[in-house]
Protein backbone atom coordinates (compact mmCIF):
# COMPACT_ATOMS: atom_id res chain seq x y z
CA MET A 1 -1.24 41.50 107.64
CA ASN A 2 -1.16 44.06 110.44
CA ARG A 3 2.19 45.76 110.85
CA TYR A 4 3.40 47.25 114.08
CA LEU A 5 6.61 48.15 115.82
CA GLU A 6 7.58 44.92 117.61
CA HIS A 7 10.78 46.38 119.03
CA ALA A 8 13.52 48.90 118.44
CA ASN A 9 17.08 48.52 119.62
CA MET A 10 18.88 51.62 120.84
CA THR A 11 22.08 52.42 122.68
CA VAL A 12 21.72 55.15 125.30
CA ASN A 13 24.10 57.08 127.54
CA ASP A 14 22.15 56.46 130.74
CA LEU A 15 19.90 53.40 130.92
CA GLU A 16 18.00 54.64 133.99
CA LYS A 17 17.24 58.03 132.40
CA ALA A 18 15.95 56.30 129.27
CA ILE A 19 13.73 54.03 131.39
CA ASP A 20 12.44 57.08 133.30
CA PHE A 21 11.56 58.94 130.08
CA LEU A 22 9.69 56.02 128.54
CA THR A 23 7.83 55.00 131.71
CA THR A 24 6.77 58.63 132.19
CA ALA A 25 5.37 58.70 128.65
CA PHE A 26 3.88 55.20 128.94
CA PRO A 27 3.07 54.31 132.57
CA ASP A 28 2.11 50.76 131.54
CA PHE A 29 5.65 50.01 130.31
CA ARG A 30 7.70 47.69 132.49
CA VAL A 31 11.13 46.14 132.33
CA ARG A 32 10.43 42.73 130.74
CA GLY A 33 14.00 41.55 131.18
CA GLY A 34 17.49 42.87 131.56
CA GLY A 35 20.82 42.55 133.23
CA ASP A 36 24.53 42.62 132.52
CA ASN A 37 26.23 41.10 129.50
CA ALA A 38 29.56 39.29 129.78
CA ASN A 39 31.31 42.42 128.47
CA GLY A 40 29.93 44.55 131.31
CA THR A 41 27.19 46.36 129.40
CA LYS A 42 23.78 46.79 130.99
CA TRP A 43 20.64 46.16 128.97
CA CYS A 44 16.87 45.86 129.33
CA HIS A 45 13.75 45.18 127.32
CA LEU A 46 11.20 47.82 128.26
CA GLY A 47 7.58 47.72 127.09
CA THR A 48 4.48 45.56 127.23
CA ASP A 49 3.76 41.95 126.38
CA ASP A 50 3.20 42.97 122.74
CA PHE A 51 6.16 45.24 122.00
CA TYR A 52 9.27 46.65 123.60
CA ILE A 53 12.33 48.85 123.24
CA ALA A 54 15.67 47.05 123.65
CA LEU A 55 18.00 49.47 125.44
CA SER A 56 21.74 49.02 126.00
CA ASP A 57 24.10 51.38 127.75
CA ARG A 58 26.76 53.26 125.79
CA LYS A 59 29.41 50.58 126.34
CA HIS A 60 27.46 48.21 124.07
CA PRO A 61 29.70 47.15 121.19
CA PHE A 62 28.21 47.92 117.80
CA THR A 63 28.19 45.13 115.22
CA GLY A 64 28.48 45.72 111.52
CA ASP A 65 29.12 49.14 110.03
CA ARG A 66 26.95 51.45 112.12
CA LYS A 67 29.57 54.11 112.76
CA GLY A 68 28.00 57.53 112.34
CA HIS A 69 24.42 56.23 112.13
CA ARG A 70 21.72 57.71 114.36
CA VAL A 71 18.12 56.97 115.10
CA ASN A 72 16.18 60.09 114.08
CA HIS A 73 13.03 59.24 115.99
CA LEU A 74 10.61 56.45 116.73
CA GLY A 75 6.90 57.04 116.32
CA PHE A 76 4.20 55.55 118.50
CA ALA A 77 0.47 55.63 117.83
CA VAL A 78 -1.19 56.62 121.12
CA ASP A 79 -4.67 57.20 122.52
CA ASP A 80 -3.95 60.44 124.42
CA ALA A 81 -1.19 62.67 123.01
CA GLU A 82 -2.13 65.54 125.31
CA GLY A 83 -1.86 63.32 128.40
CA ILE A 84 1.63 62.27 127.32
CA ARG A 85 2.56 65.92 126.71
CA GLU A 86 1.40 66.89 130.19
CA ARG A 87 3.29 64.03 131.89
CA LEU A 88 6.53 64.67 130.01
CA LEU A 89 6.42 68.45 130.55
CA ALA A 90 5.68 67.94 134.26
CA ALA A 91 8.70 65.62 134.46
CA GLY A 92 10.92 68.32 132.90
CA TYR A 93 11.30 66.94 129.37
CA LYS A 94 11.49 69.37 126.45
CA GLU A 95 9.31 69.38 123.38
CA GLY A 96 11.03 68.80 120.06
CA TYR A 97 9.76 69.46 116.54
CA LYS A 98 6.47 71.36 116.50
CA VAL A 99 3.72 70.81 113.96
CA GLY A 100 0.51 72.70 113.40
CA PRO A 101 -2.99 71.34 113.83
CA HIS A 102 -4.37 68.67 111.54
CA PRO A 103 -8.03 67.60 111.41
CA HIS A 104 -7.26 63.87 111.54
CA ARG A 105 -4.30 63.54 113.92
CA LYS A 106 -2.27 65.22 116.63
CA ARG A 107 1.51 64.81 116.64
CA ILE A 108 3.88 65.79 119.42
CA TYR A 109 7.63 65.31 119.69
CA PHE A 110 9.80 65.15 122.81
CA ILE A 111 13.52 64.90 123.45
CA ASP A 112 14.87 62.39 125.99
CA ALA A 113 18.04 62.65 128.10
CA ASP A 114 20.18 61.23 125.26
CA GLY A 115 18.87 63.73 122.72
CA PHE A 116 16.69 61.21 120.92
CA GLU A 117 13.46 62.61 119.53
CA TRP A 118 10.28 60.57 120.06
CA GLU A 119 7.03 61.12 118.15
CA PHE A 120 3.62 60.41 119.67
CA VAL A 121 0.70 60.55 117.23
CA GLU A 122 -2.98 60.36 118.11
CA TYR A 123 -5.34 59.60 115.23
CA PHE A 124 -8.89 60.90 115.23
CA THR A 125 -10.10 58.55 112.48
CA ASP A 126 -9.73 54.94 111.42
CA ASP A 127 -9.81 55.95 107.74
CA PRO A 128 -6.28 55.37 106.36
CA ALA A 129 -6.74 58.00 103.63
CA LYS A 130 -7.45 60.66 106.26
CA ARG A 131 -4.74 59.40 108.62
CA ASN A 132 -2.16 59.63 105.84
CA ASP A 133 -3.33 62.95 104.38
CA TYR A 134 -0.27 65.22 104.28
CA SER A 135 -1.88 67.96 102.19
CA GLN A 136 -3.18 69.66 105.34
CA GLU A 137 0.12 69.52 107.23
CA LYS A 138 1.21 72.94 108.44
């Protein structure tokens, strides 16, 4: 079975800034749906037909015991990490964690307006053993 990120659900401080960050990184993303909940929170599903990020503004009431929990980062496999880097830098976003070169992948990290870190990884091989080789990580 193929596994992939179908969606992630995140609460953000500014819905429009989150949408701007993600559509700058991924120009093919679109708002698939959204609106206002009965409690006054704004939400949207942003992505493609195959996957999306569910975003809610800060007023969204948490359910369960999530107090103090934080999303560290979400990672996306991409075709052009350098193109994403150029677009995000040009839009004024800051790079996050920096990693050295690796023969089988390129990883970049960026910080959005809410302080979330996003990883974008471009693989140069289809071989899982090479993709998941951490011995050459610098």
